[in-house]
Structure formats: C-alpha cells, structure tokens
PDB file of N, CA and C in Angstrom:
ATOM      1  N   MET A   1     104.024 141.150 244.853  1.00  0.00           N
ATOM      2  CA  MET A   1     103.942 141.392 243.588  1.00  0.00           C
ATOM      3  C   MET A   1     105.130 142.597 242.676  1.00  0.00           C
ATOM      4  N   LYS A   2     105.442 143.617 243.475  1.00  0.00           N
ATOM      5  CA  LYS A   2     106.356 143.969 242.973  1.00  0.00           C
ATOM      6  C   LYS A   2     108.278 143.091 242.156  1.00  0.00           C
ATOM      7  N   GLN A   3     108.027 142.183 242.735  1.00  0.00           N
ATOM      8  CA  GLN A   3     108.877 141.579 242.494  1.00  0.00           C
ATOM      9  C   GLN A   3     108.677 140.973 240.827  1.00  0.00           C
ATOM     10  N   LEU A   4     107.677 140.497 240.941  1.00  0.00           N
ATOM     11  CA  LEU A   4     106.148 139.654 239.291  1.00  0.00           C
ATOM     12  C   LEU A   4     106.688 141.199 238.810  1.00  0.00           C
ATOM     13  N   ILE A   5     106.706 142.177 238.966  1.00  0.00           N
ATOM     14  CA  ILE A   5     106.262 143.218 237.633  1.00  0.00           C
ATOM     15  C   ILE A   5     107.998 143.634 237.615  1.00  0.00           C
ATOM     16  N   VAL A   6     109.101 143.086 238.333  1.00  0.00           N
ATOM     17  CA  VAL A   6     110.481 143.423 237.622  1.00  0.00           C
ATOM     18  C   VAL A   6     111.443 142.478 237.243  1.00  0.00           C
ATOM     19  N   ASP A   7     110.261 141.169 237.292  1.00  0.00           N
ATOM     20  CA  ASP A   7     110.114 139.493 237.058  1.00  0.00           C
ATOM     21  C   ASP A   7     110.101 140.422 235.398  1.00  0.00           C
ATOM     22  N   GLU A   8     109.168 140.596 234.870  1.00  0.00           N
ATOM     23  CA  GLU A   8     107.766 140.620 233.677  1.00  0.00           C
ATOM     24  C   GLU A   8     108.349 141.920 233.098  1.00  0.00           C
ATOM     25  N   PHE A   9     108.467 143.186 234.205  1.00  0.00           N
ATOM     26  CA  PHE A   9     108.516 144.224 233.177  1.00  0.00           C
ATOM     27  C   PHE A   9     110.299 145.259 233.360  1.00  0.00           C
ATOM     28  N   GLY A  10     110.339 145.242 234.049  1.00  0.00           N
ATOM     29  CA  GLY A  10     112.045 145.097 234.052  1.00  0.00           C
ATOM     30  C   GLY A  10     112.081 146.473 235.871  1.00  0.00           C
ATOM     31  N   ASP A  11     113.312 146.570 235.302  1.00  0.00           N
ATOM     32  CA  ASP A  11     112.968 147.341 236.878  1.00  0.00           C
ATOM     33  C   ASP A  11     113.122 149.510 236.845  1.00  0.00           C
ATOM     34  N   GLU A  12     113.119 149.834 235.626  1.00  0.00           N
ATOM     35  CA  GLU A  12     112.227 151.041 235.069  1.00  0.00           C
ATOM     36  C   GLU A  12     111.141 151.220 235.302  1.00  0.00           C
ATOM     37  N   ILE A  13     110.370 149.782 235.145  1.00  0.00           N
ATOM     38  CA  ILE A  13     108.658 150.123 234.920  1.00  0.00           C
ATOM     39  C   ILE A  13     108.364 149.998 236.222  1.00  0.00           C
ATOM     40  N   ALA A  14     109.478 148.666 237.233  1.00  0.00           N
ATOM     41  CA  ALA A  14     108.929 149.070 238.941  1.00  0.00           C
ATOM     42  C   ALA A  14     108.194 150.134 239.197  1.00  0.00           C
ATOM     43  N   GLY A  15     110.005 150.481 239.481  1.00  0.00           N
ATOM     44  CA  GLY A  15     110.112 152.264 239.745  1.00  0.00           C
ATOM     45  C   GLY A  15     109.198 152.956 239.687  1.00  0.00           C
ATOM     46  N   GLN A  16     108.217 152.833 238.884  1.00  0.00           N
ATOM     47  CA  GLN A  16     106.933 153.673 237.986  1.00  0.00           C
ATOM     48  C   GLN A  16     105.422 153.218 238.577  1.00  0.00           C
ATOM     49  N   HIS A  17     105.558 152.470 239.187  1.00  0.00           N
ATOM     50  CA  HIS A  17     104.586 151.717 239.612  1.00  0.00           C
ATOM     51  C   HIS A  17     104.195 151.036 241.194  1.00  0.00           C
ATOM     52  N   ASN A  18     103.247 152.391 241.252  1.00  0.00           N
ATOM     53  CA  ASN A  18     102.722 152.741 242.656  1.00  0.00           C
ATOM     54  C   ASN A  18     102.436 151.592 243.590  1.00  0.00           C
ATOM     55  N   SER A  19     102.095 150.584 244.356  1.00  0.00           N
ATOM     56  CA  SER A  19     101.601 149.075 244.772  1.00  0.00           C
ATOM     57  C   SER A  19     100.846 149.796 245.376  1.00  0.00           C
ATOM     58  N   ARG A  20      99.973 151.264 245.671  1.00  0.00           N
ATOM     59  CA  ARG A  20      99.214 151.149 246.750  1.00  0.00           C
ATOM     60  C   ARG A  20      98.032 150.673 245.458  1.00  0.00           C
ATOM     61  N   PHE A  21      96.883 150.579 246.307  1.00  0.00           N
ATOM     62  CA  PHE A  21      95.596 150.000 245.898  1.00  0.00           C
ATOM     63  C   PHE A  21      94.300 151.484 245.660  1.00  0.00           C
ATOM     64  N   VAL A  22      94.078 151.039 243.954  1.00  0.00           N
ATOM     65  CA  VAL A  22      93.276 153.344 243.678  1.00  0.00           C
ATOM     66  C   VAL A  22      91.553 152.122 243.703  1.00  0.00           C
ATOM     67  N   TYR A  23      91.000 152.809 244.802  1.00  0.00           N
ATOM     68  CA  TYR A  23      89.880 152.141 245.178  1.00  0.00           C
ATOM     69  C   TYR A  23      88.451 153.808 244.322  1.00  0.00           C
ATOM     70  N   TRP A  24      87.430 152.720 243.738  1.00  0.00           N
ATOM     71  CA  TRP A  24      86.928 153.398 242.025  1.00  0.00           C
ATOM     72  C   TRP A  24      85.688 153.680 243.028  1.00  0.00           C
ATOM     73  N   ALA A  25      84.481 154.665 242.948  1.00  0.00           N
ATOM     74  CA  ALA A  25      83.467 154.749 242.948  1.00  0.00           C
ATOM     75  C   ALA A  25      82.720 155.873 242.256  1.00  0.00           C
ATOM     76  N   ASP A  26      81.422 155.698 242.803  1.00  0.00           N
ATOM     77  CA  ASP A  26      80.724 157.101 241.690  1.00  0.00           C
ATOM     78  C   ASP A  26      80.392 158.243 243.065  1.00  0.00           C
ATOM     79  N   PHE A  27      80.215 157.748 244.408  1.00  0.00           N
ATOM     80  CA  PHE A  27      79.628 158.976 245.498  1.00  0.00           C
ATOM     81  C   PHE A  27      80.409 159.621 246.030  1.00  0.00           C
ATOM     82  N   PHE A  28      81.158 160.118 245.390  1.00  0.00           N
ATOM     83  CA  PHE A  28      82.114 161.169 246.426  1.00  0.00           C
ATOM     84  C   PHE A  28      81.992 162.201 246.729  1.00  0.00           C
ATOM     85  N   ARG A  29      81.167 162.683 245.371  1.00  0.00           N
ATOM     86  CA  ARG A  29      80.825 164.354 244.630  1.00  0.00           C
ATOM     87  C   ARG A  29      79.117 164.228 246.297  1.00  0.00           C
ATOM     88  N   GLU A  30      79.686 165.933 246.424  1.00  0.00           N
ATOM     89  CA  GLU A  30      78.378 166.497 247.662  1.00  0.00           C
ATOM     90  C   GLU A  30      77.153 167.265 246.368  1.00  0.00           C
ATOM     91  N   ASP A  31      75.713 166.427 247.349  1.00  0.00           N
ATOM     92  CA  ASP A  31      74.754 167.075 245.893  1.00  0.00           C
ATOM     93  C   ASP A  31      74.862 168.836 246.799  1.00  0.00           C
ATOM     94  N   ILE A  32      74.300 169.860 245.825  1.00  0.00           N
ATOM     95  CA  ILE A  32      74.269 171.030 246.131  1.00  0.00           C
ATOM     96  C   ILE A  32      72.991 171.379 247.049  1.00  0.00           C
ATOM     97  N   ILE A  33      73.542 171.926 247.522  1.00  0.00           N
ATOM     98  CA  ILE A  33      71.649 172.139 248.760  1.00  0.00           C
ATOM     99  C   ILE A  33      71.694 173.679 248.018  1.00  0.00           C
ATOM    100  N   ASP A  34      70.628 174.020 248.619  1.00  0.00           N
ATOM    101  CA  ASP A  34      69.495 176.054 248.618  1.00  0.00           C
ATOM    102  C   ASP A  34      69.614 176.528 250.013  1.00  0.00           C
ATOM    103  N   GLU A  35      70.757 176.979 249.402  1.00  0.00           N
ATOM    104  CA  GLU A  35      71.133 177.869 250.966  1.00  0.00           C
ATOM    105  C   GLU A  35      70.025 178.468 251.694  1.00  0.00           C
ATOM    106  N   GLU A  36      68.319 178.915 250.994  1.00  0.00           N
ATOM    107  CA  GLU A  36      67.801 179.466 252.151  1.00  0.00           C
ATOM    108  C   GLU A  36      66.269 178.348 252.557  1.00  0.00           C
ATOM    109  N   THR A  37      66.206 177.557 251.395  1.00  0.00           N
ATOM    110  CA  THR A  37      65.076 176.430 252.334  1.00  0.00           C
ATOM    111  C   THR A  37      65.963 175.329 252.361  1.00  0.00           C
ATOM    112  N   GLU A  38      67.277 175.189 252.152  1.00  0.00           N
ATOM    113  CA  GLU A  38      67.650 173.525 252.974  1.00  0.00           C
ATOM    114  C   GLU A  38      67.567 172.078 252.430  1.00  0.00           C
ATOM    115  N   GLU A  39      67.050 172.445 250.996  1.00  0.00           N
ATOM    116  CA  GLU A  39      66.512 171.459 250.244  1.00  0.00           C
ATOM    117  C   GLU A  39      67.603 171.454 249.736  1.00  0.00           C
ATOM    118  N   ILE A  40      67.720 170.338 248.912  1.00  0.00           N
ATOM    119  CA  ILE A  40      68.379 169.570 247.932  1.00  0.00           C
ATOM    120  C   ILE A  40      67.922 169.981 246.654  1.00  0.00           C
ATOM    121  N   ALA A  41      68.601 171.310 246.268  1.00  0.00           N
ATOM    122  CA  ALA A  41      68.264 171.583 244.386  1.00  0.00           C
ATOM    123  C   ALA A  41      69.246 170.881 243.422  1.00  0.00           C
ATOM    124  N   GLU A  42      70.433 170.125 243.979  1.00  0.00           N
ATOM    125  CA  GLU A  42      70.989 169.752 242.843  1.00  0.00           C
ATOM    126  C   GLU A  42      71.618 167.803 242.875  1.00  0.00           C
ATOM    127  N   PHE A  43      71.221 166.845 242.389  1.00  0.00           N
ATOM    128  CA  PHE A  43      71.720 166.546 242.929  1.00  0.00           C
ATOM    129  C   PHE A  43      73.297 165.902 241.787  1.00  0.00           C
ATOM    130  N   ALA A  44      73.768 165.038 243.472  1.00  0.00           N
ATOM    131  CA  ALA A  44      75.506 165.007 242.737  1.00  0.00           C
ATOM    132  C   ALA A  44      75.269 164.367 241.860  1.00  0.00           C
ATOM    133  N   PRO A  45      76.082 165.148 240.584  1.00  0.00           N
ATOM    134  CA  PRO A  45      76.443 164.188 239.591  1.00  0.00           C
ATOM    135  C   PRO A  45      77.723 162.306 240.041  1.00  0.00           C
ATOM    136  N   LYS A  46      77.301 161.550 239.629  1.00  0.00           N
ATOM    137  CA  LYS A  46      77.001 160.099 239.496  1.00  0.00           C
ATOM    138  C   LYS A  46      78.798 159.826 238.347  1.00  0.00           C
ATOM    139  N   ILE A  47      80.075 160.967 238.405  1.00  0.00           N
ATOM    140  CA  ILE A  47      81.401 160.436 237.720  1.00  0.00           C
ATOM    141  C   ILE A  47      81.922 159.201 239.347  1.00  0.00           C
ATOM    142  N   TYR A  48      81.987 158.174 237.934  1.00  0.00           N
ATOM    143  CA  TYR A  48      83.246 157.950 238.578  1.00  0.00           C
ATOM    144  C   TYR A  48      84.206 158.110 238.579  1.00  0.00           C
ATOM    145  N   GLU A  49      85.270 157.643 239.709  1.00  0.00           N
ATOM    146  CA  GLU A  49      86.096 158.534 239.834  1.00  0.00           C
ATOM    147  C   GLU A  49      87.200 158.199 240.811  1.00  0.00           C
ATOM    148  N   PRO A  50      87.972 158.101 241.045  1.00  0.00           N
ATOM    149  CA  PRO A  50      89.149 157.379 242.611  1.00  0.00           C
ATOM    150  C   PRO A  50      88.618 157.442 243.798  1.00  0.00           C
ATOM    151  N   ALA A  51      88.726 156.942 244.354  1.00  0.00           N
ATOM    152  CA  ALA A  51      89.064 157.715 246.237  1.00  0.00           C
ATOM    153  C   ALA A  51      90.302 158.277 246.435  1.00  0.00           C
ATOM    154  N   GLU A  52      90.621 159.111 247.222  1.00  0.00           N
ATOM    155  CA  GLU A  52      91.550 159.903 247.578  1.00  0.00           C
ATOM    156  C   GLU A  52      92.397 157.919 248.320  1.00  0.00           C
ATOM    157  N   SER A  53      91.813 157.373 249.133  1.00  0.00           N
ATOM    158  CA  SER A  53      92.016 156.715 249.435  1.00  0.00           C
ATOM    159  C   SER A  53      91.070 156.269 250.053  1.00  0.00           C
ATOM    160  N   PHE A  54      91.591 154.344 250.909  1.00  0.00           N
ATOM    161  CA  PHE A  54      90.464 153.295 251.412  1.00  0.00           C
ATOM    162  C   PHE A  54      89.264 154.622 252.258  1.00  0.00           C
ATOM    163  N   ASP A  55      90.572 155.286 253.887  1.00  0.00           N
ATOM    164  CA  ASP A  55      90.152 155.831 254.840  1.00  0.00           C
ATOM    165  C   ASP A  55      88.752 156.372 254.223  1.00  0.00           C
ATOM    166  N   ALA A  56      89.101 157.604 252.998  1.00  0.00           N
ATOM    167  CA  ALA A  56      87.931 158.352 252.584  1.00  0.00           C
ATOM    168  C   ALA A  56      86.576 157.464 252.142  1.00  0.00           C
ATOM    169  N   CYS A  57      86.283 156.416 251.537  1.00  0.00           N
ATOM    170  CA  CYS A  57      85.962 155.459 251.175  1.00  0.00           C
ATOM    171  C   CYS A  57      85.429 155.366 252.119  1.00  0.00           C
ATOM    172  N   LYS A  58      85.347 154.651 253.227  1.00  0.00           N
ATOM    173  CA  LYS A  58      84.363 154.347 254.626  1.00  0.00           C
ATOM    174  C   LYS A  58      84.003 155.117 255.280  1.00  0.00           C
ATOM    175  N   SER A  59      84.489 156.805 255.482  1.00  0.00           N
ATOM    176  CA  SER A  59      83.898 157.431 255.812  1.00  0.00           C
ATOM    177  C   SER A  59      82.896 157.995 255.132  1.00  0.00           C
ATOM    178  N   ARG A  60      83.131 158.226 253.649  1.00  0.00           N
ATOM    179  CA  ARG A  60      81.496 158.358 252.777  1.00  0.00           C
ATOM    180  C   ARG A  60      80.319 157.657 253.058  1.00  0.00           C
ATOM    181  N   VAL A  61      80.978 156.139 253.112  1.00  0.00           N
ATOM    182  CA  VAL A  61      79.679 155.373 253.115  1.00  0.00           C
ATOM    183  C   VAL A  61      79.492 155.197 254.688  1.00  0.00           C
ATOM    184  N   GLU A  62      80.214 155.525 256.233  1.00  0.00           N
ATOM    185  CA  GLU A  62      79.927 155.502 257.216  1.00  0.00           C
ATOM    186  C   GLU A  62      78.658 157.092 257.269  1.00  0.00           C
ATOM    187  N   MET A  63      79.503 157.888 256.151  1.00  0.00           N
ATOM    188  CA  MET A  63      78.450 159.006 255.966  1.00  0.00           C
ATOM    189  C   MET A  63      76.040 158.803 255.458  1.00  0.00           C
ATOM    190  N   PHE A  64      76.409 157.954 254.910  1.00  0.00           N
ATOM    191  CA  PHE A  64      75.620 157.310 253.754  1.00  0.00           C
ATOM    192  C   PHE A  64      74.979 156.333 255.164  1.00  0.00           C
ATOM    193  N   LEU A  65      75.237 156.102 255.216  1.00  0.00           N
ATOM    194  CA  LEU A  65      75.016 154.519 256.657  1.00  0.00           C
ATOM    195  C   LEU A  65      73.688 155.674 257.492  1.00  0.00           C
ATOM    196  N   GLU A  66      74.826 156.830 258.095  1.00  0.00           N
ATOM    197  CA  GLU A  66      74.220 157.824 259.124  1.00  0.00           C
ATOM    198  C   GLU A  66      73.210 158.482 258.247  1.00  0.00           C
ATOM    199  N   LYS A  67      73.247 158.957 257.376  1.00  0.00           N
ATOM    200  CA  LYS A  67      71.739 159.928 256.391  1.00  0.00           C
ATOM    201  C   LYS A  67      70.890 158.616 256.844  1.00  0.00           C
ATOM    202  N   TYR A  68      70.815 157.271 256.385  1.00  0.00           N
ATOM    203  CA  TYR A  68      70.121 155.987 256.299  1.00  0.00           C
ATOM    204  C   TYR A  68      69.146 156.395 257.362  1.00  0.00           C
ATOM    205  N   ASN A  69      70.108 156.146 258.957  1.00  0.00           N
ATOM    206  CA  ASN A  69      69.741 155.541 259.938  1.00  0.00           C
ATOM    207  C   ASN A  69      69.027 156.591 260.247  1.00  0.00           C
ATOM    208  N   SER A  70      68.818 157.989 259.803  1.00  0.00           N
ATOM    209  CA  SER A  70      68.429 159.238 260.783  1.00  0.00           C
ATOM    210  C   SER A  70      66.997 159.950 260.052  1.00  0.00           C
ATOM    211  N   GLU A  71      66.672 158.818 258.874  1.00  0.00           N
ATOM    212  CA  GLU A  71      65.751 158.763 258.219  1.00  0.00           C
ATOM    213  C   GLU A  71      63.903 158.111 258.913  1.00  0.00           C
ATOM    214  N   PRO A  72      63.231 159.223 259.042  1.00  0.00           N
ATOM    215  CA  PRO A  72      62.043 158.336 260.045  1.00  0.00           C
ATOM    216  C   PRO A  72      61.380 157.535 258.849  1.00  0.00           C
ATOM    217  N   LYS A  73      60.230 156.406 259.898  1.00  0.00           N
ATOM    218  CA  LYS A  73      59.625 155.248 259.353  1.00  0.00           C
ATOM    219  C   LYS A  73      60.641 154.214 258.646  1.00  0.00           C
ATOM    220  N   LEU A  74      62.632 154.237 258.633  1.00  0.00           N
ATOM    221  CA  LEU A  74      63.076 153.496 258.688  1.00  0.00           C
ATOM    222  C   LEU A  74      63.247 152.423 259.418  1.00  0.00           C
ATOM    223  N   LYS A  75      63.109 151.051 259.401  1.00  0.00           N
ATOM    224  CA  LYS A  75      64.330 150.420 260.509  1.00  0.00           C
ATOM    225  C   LYS A  75      65.516 151.089 260.152  1.00  0.00           C
ATOM    226  N   GLU A  76      66.174 151.125 261.738  1.00  0.00           N
ATOM    227  CA  GLU A  76      67.555 150.844 261.217  1.00  0.00           C
ATOM    228  C   GLU A  76      68.403 150.104 261.378  1.00  0.00           C
ATOM    229  N   MET A  77      69.683 150.168 260.253  1.00  0.00           N
ATOM    230  CA  MET A  77      70.601 149.413 259.865  1.00  0.00           C
ATOM    231  C   MET A  77      72.002 149.350 260.915  1.00  0.00           C
ATOM    232  N   THR A  78      72.243 148.697 261.783  1.00  0.00           N
ATOM    233  CA  THR A  78      73.440 147.974 262.251  1.00  0.00           C
ATOM    234  C   THR A  78      74.549 147.759 261.548  1.00  0.00           C
ATOM    235  N   LEU A  79      75.129 148.362 260.468  1.00  0.00           N
ATOM    236  CA  LEU A  79      76.167 147.674 259.919  1.00  0.00           C
ATOM    237  C   LEU A  79      77.979 148.139 260.512  1.00  0.00           C
ATOM    238  N   VAL A  80      78.682 146.865 260.536  1.00  0.00           N
ATOM    239  CA  VAL A  80      79.633 147.300 260.980  1.00  0.00           C
ATOM    240  C   VAL A  80      80.366 147.589 259.184  1.00  0.00           C
ATOM    241  N   LEU A  81      81.078 147.966 259.574  1.00  0.00           N
ATOM    242  CA  LEU A  81      81.547 148.517 258.165  1.00  0.00           C
ATOM    243  C   LEU A  81      82.859 147.885 258.109  1.00  0.00           C
ATOM    244  N   PHE A  82      83.483 146.756 258.072  1.00  0.00           N
ATOM    245  CA  PHE A  82      84.666 146.194 257.670  1.00  0.00           C
ATOM    246  C   PHE A  82      85.154 146.250 256.452  1.00  0.00           C
ATOM    247  N   THR A  83      86.334 146.362 255.799  1.00  0.00           N
ATOM    248  CA  THR A  83      87.335 146.677 254.563  1.00  0.00           C
ATOM    249  C   THR A  83      86.261 145.606 253.761  1.00  0.00           C
ATOM    250  N   ASP A  84      86.080 144.018 254.092  1.00  0.00           N
ATOM    251  CA  ASP A  84      85.236 143.534 253.047  1.00  0.00           C
ATOM    252  C   ASP A  84      83.915 143.980 252.660  1.00  0.00           C
ATOM    253  N   ALA A  85      83.192 144.832 253.128  1.00  0.00           N
ATOM    254  CA  ALA A  85      81.701 145.502 253.758  1.00  0.00           C
ATOM    255  C   ALA A  85      82.127 146.248 252.100  1.00  0.00           C
ATOM    256  N   VAL A  86      82.422 147.638 252.971  1.00  0.00           N
ATOM    257  CA  VAL A  86      82.694 148.987 251.664  1.00  0.00           C
ATOM    258  C   VAL A  86      83.720 147.766 250.695  1.00  0.00           C
ATOM    259  N   LYS A  87      84.252 147.093 250.862  1.00  0.00           N
ATOM    260  CA  LYS A  87      84.601 146.830 248.985  1.00  0.00           C
ATOM    261  C   LYS A  87      83.284 146.184 247.741  1.00  0.00           C
ATOM    262  N   HIS A  88      82.732 145.482 249.177  1.00  0.00           N
ATOM    263  CA  HIS A  88      81.362 145.002 248.292  1.00  0.00           C
ATOM    264  C   HIS A  88      80.921 145.862 247.780  1.00  0.00           C
ATOM    265  N   LEU A  89      80.666 147.419 248.425  1.00  0.00           N
ATOM    266  CA  LEU A  89      78.717 148.361 248.604  1.00  0.00           C
ATOM    267  C   LEU A  89      79.323 148.899 247.172  1.00  0.00           C
ATOM    268  N   MET A  90      80.996 148.967 247.187  1.00  0.00           N
ATOM    269  CA  MET A  90      81.678 150.219 246.314  1.00  0.00           C
ATOM    270  C   MET A  90      81.688 149.012 244.888  1.00  0.00           C
ATOM    271  N   ARG A  91      81.325 147.728 244.813  1.00  0.00           N
ATOM    272  CA  ARG A  91      81.052 146.960 243.833  1.00  0.00           C
ATOM    273  C   ARG A  91      79.361 147.153 243.261  1.00  0.00           C
ATOM    274  N   ILE A  92      78.543 146.574 244.502  1.00  0.00           N
ATOM    275  CA  ILE A  92      77.606 147.158 244.177  1.00  0.00           C
ATOM    276  C   ILE A  92      76.972 148.359 243.797  1.00  0.00           C
ATOM    277  N   CYS A  93      77.000 149.067 244.362  1.00  0.00           N
ATOM    278  CA  CYS A  93      76.644 150.270 243.241  1.00  0.00           C
ATOM    279  C   CYS A  93      77.448 150.712 242.119  1.00  0.00           C
ATOM    280  N   ARG A  94      79.110 149.772 241.417  1.00  0.00           N
ATOM    281  CA  ARG A  94      78.906 150.016 240.157  1.00  0.00           C
ATOM    282  C   ARG A  94      77.674 149.587 239.319  1.00  0.00           C
ATOM    283  N   ILE A  95      77.984 148.104 240.223  1.00  0.00           N
ATOM    284  CA  ILE A  95      76.534 147.425 239.225  1.00  0.00           C
ATOM    285  C   ILE A  95      75.855 147.922 239.092  1.00  0.00           C
ATOM    286  N   LEU A  96      74.925 148.022 240.466  1.00  0.00           N
ATOM    287  CA  LEU A  96      73.456 148.789 240.426  1.00  0.00           C
ATOM    288  C   LEU A  96      73.390 150.567 239.363  1.00  0.00           C
ATOM    289  N   ALA A  97      74.842 151.002 239.014  1.00  0.00           N
ATOM    290  CA  ALA A  97      74.983 151.392 237.820  1.00  0.00           C
ATOM    291  C   ALA A  97      74.483 151.278 236.620  1.00  0.00           C
ATOM    292  N   MET A  98      75.151 150.304 236.240  1.00  0.00           N
ATOM    293  CA  MET A  98      75.160 150.146 234.717  1.00  0.00           C
ATOM    294  C   MET A  98      73.335 149.520 234.253  1.00  0.00           C
ATOM    295  N   PRO A  99      73.424 150.012 233.121  1.00  0.00           N
ATOM    296  CA  PRO A  99      72.133 149.684 232.634  1.00  0.00           C
ATOM    297  C   PRO A  99      72.115 148.550 232.439  1.00  0.00           C
ATOM    298  N   ARG A 100      70.394 148.264 232.822  1.00  0.00           N
ATOM    299  CA  ARG A 100      70.751 146.850 233.352  1.00  0.00           C
ATOM    300  C   ARG A 100      71.273 145.562 234.460  1.00  0.00           C
ATOM    301  N   GLY A 101      71.835 146.498 235.512  1.00  0.00           N
ATOM    302  CA  GLY A 101      72.665 145.890 236.031  1.00  0.00           C
ATOM    303  C   GLY A 101      72.203 144.839 237.245  1.00  0.00           C
ATOM    304  N   ASN A 102      72.281 143.944 237.568  1.00  0.00           N
ATOM    305  CA  ASN A 102      71.675 142.862 237.770  1.00  0.00           C
ATOM    306  C   ASN A 102      73.072 142.012 238.649  1.00  0.00           C
ATOM    307  N   LEU A 103      72.609 141.330 240.033  1.00  0.00           N
ATOM    308  CA  LEU A 103      73.525 141.014 240.606  1.00  0.00           C
ATOM    309  C   LEU A 103      72.652 139.356 241.431  1.00  0.00           C
ATOM    310  N   LEU A 104      73.559 138.556 242.037  1.00  0.00           N
ATOM    311  CA  LEU A 104      72.919 137.789 242.599  1.00  0.00           C
ATOM    312  C   LEU A 104      73.820 137.197 243.120  1.00  0.00           C
ATOM    313  N   PHE A 105      73.465 137.505 244.876  1.00  0.00           N
ATOM    314  CA  PHE A 105      74.150 137.477 246.057  1.00  0.00           C
ATOM    315  C   PHE A 105      73.799 135.758 246.723  1.00  0.00           C
ATOM    316  N   VAL A 106      74.989 135.095 246.887  1.00  0.00           N
ATOM    317  CA  VAL A 106      74.809 134.000 247.341  1.00  0.00           C
ATOM    318  C   VAL A 106      76.193 134.091 248.886  1.00  0.00           C
ATOM    319  N   GLY A 107      75.166 133.959 249.956  1.00  0.00           N
ATOM    320  CA  GLY A 107      76.174 133.605 251.494  1.00  0.00           C
ATOM    321  C   GLY A 107      75.247 133.323 252.154  1.00  0.00           C
ATOM    322  N   VAL A 108      75.370 133.221 253.319  1.00  0.00           N
ATOM    323  CA  VAL A 108      74.558 132.777 255.119  1.00  0.00           C
ATOM    324  C   VAL A 108      74.209 133.674 254.900  1.00  0.00           C
ATOM    325  N   GLY A 109      73.090 133.655 255.540  1.00  0.00           N
ATOM    326  CA  GLY A 109      71.819 134.103 256.512  1.00  0.00           C
ATOM    327  C   GLY A 109      72.272 135.585 257.133  1.00  0.00           C
ATOM    328  N   GLY A 110      72.019 136.380 257.539  1.00  0.00           N
ATOM    329  CA  GLY A 110      73.279 137.022 258.101  1.00  0.00           C
ATOM    330  C   GLY A 110      74.584 137.431 257.866  1.00  0.00           C
ATOM    331  N   SER A 111      74.510 137.606 257.164  1.00  0.00           N
ATOM    332  CA  SER A 111      75.608 138.309 256.079  1.00  0.00           C
ATOM    333  C   SER A 111      76.046 139.836 255.759  1.00  0.00           C
ATOM    334  N   GLY A 112      74.758 140.375 255.882  1.00  0.00           N
ATOM    335  CA  GLY A 112      74.459 141.880 256.031  1.00  0.00           C
ATOM    336  C   GLY A 112      74.019 141.784 253.712  1.00  0.00           C
ATOM    337  N   ARG A 113      73.522 141.138 252.940  1.00  0.00           N
ATOM    338  CA  ARG A 113      73.286 141.262 251.862  1.00  0.00           C
ATOM    339  C   ARG A 113      72.796 141.744 251.967  1.00  0.00           C
ATOM    340  N   GLN A 114      70.748 141.868 252.307  1.00  0.00           N
ATOM    341  CA  GLN A 114      70.451 142.503 251.954  1.00  0.00           C
ATOM    342  C   GLN A 114      70.753 144.033 252.048  1.00  0.00           C
ATOM    343  N   SER A 115      70.881 144.351 253.360  1.00  0.00           N
ATOM    344  CA  SER A 115      71.345 145.633 254.015  1.00  0.00           C
ATOM    345  C   SER A 115      72.252 146.526 253.380  1.00  0.00           C
ATOM    346  N   LEU A 116      73.655 145.610 252.499  1.00  0.00           N
ATOM    347  CA  LEU A 116      74.397 146.279 251.953  1.00  0.00           C
ATOM    348  C   LEU A 116      73.482 147.030 250.829  1.00  0.00           C
ATOM    349  N   THR A 117      72.843 146.237 250.239  1.00  0.00           N
ATOM    350  CA  THR A 117      72.058 146.305 248.896  1.00  0.00           C
ATOM    351  C   THR A 117      71.123 147.815 249.073  1.00  0.00           C
ATOM    352  N   LYS A 118      70.686 147.613 250.897  1.00  0.00           N
ATOM    353  CA  LYS A 118      69.328 148.958 250.096  1.00  0.00           C
ATOM    354  C   LYS A 118      70.490 150.570 250.886  1.00  0.00           C
ATOM    355  N   LEU A 119      72.049 149.981 251.738  1.00  0.00           N
ATOM    356  CA  LEU A 119      72.812 151.313 251.662  1.00  0.00           C
ATOM    357  C   LEU A 119      72.811 151.758 249.810  1.00  0.00           C
ATOM    358  N   ALA A 120      73.422 150.260 249.230  1.00  0.00           N
ATOM    359  CA  ALA A 120      74.035 151.225 247.784  1.00  0.00           C
ATOM    360  C   ALA A 120      72.911 151.569 247.544  1.00  0.00           C
TER     361      ALA A 120
END
C-alpha cells in the first residue's frame, strides 16, 4: 500500500500517510447512570467516531456481549469474537442506525448472522 502511495502521490504525501487502519462506530460512549437509583438516566449519544484501536472496539463489543448474556429470560450467546466478526458487527451497527437501514445476510448456517444482528 505504501509503495502505491509513493508511486501515485510522491514521498512527501507518503510520509504523512499513516498506514494504521481506523475503525469507526457509534457505540463507544457510556450511558449516564443516576447515582442514587443506579438506573440509566440518559442513554449515550450515538456519535459516529473513530476508535482508539481495534482492541478498544473488541473490548467494547465483549462488554456488550456480557451485558446481553446477563439479562434474564434471554438465551445466552456464546460467540467467538474474532477480527472479522467485530468488523461485521461495526458494519451492522452502522447500517441499522441509518434511516431505513436494511441488510441481507448470506452465508452458511451456524456462521453467527442472527447472533451478530441481535448483539448489534
């Protein structure tokens, strides 16, 4: 990638380019909790912003999975959150947040399509 940037734009622009990937999502902010009742006083604003790193994205998604699994009357989801699963989850969240956001998942059974959508 770096060689392509050097060939197309020159050494000066290539030196300014950071080859690190930037991951964007709208689930990094925390809900505001009322200290007295320990209930959610205000939901976190859904601001589409870059993540600090991929590990920050993955830890946030794992937190949401733990939160989902701790809810009573819901079947526990045992998901393996590998890199592609977290990236797909970020895409699902982005598309579902759009007005009239629709998705069509295609894949083999047991690949986690429904589980990732529930988590999103």
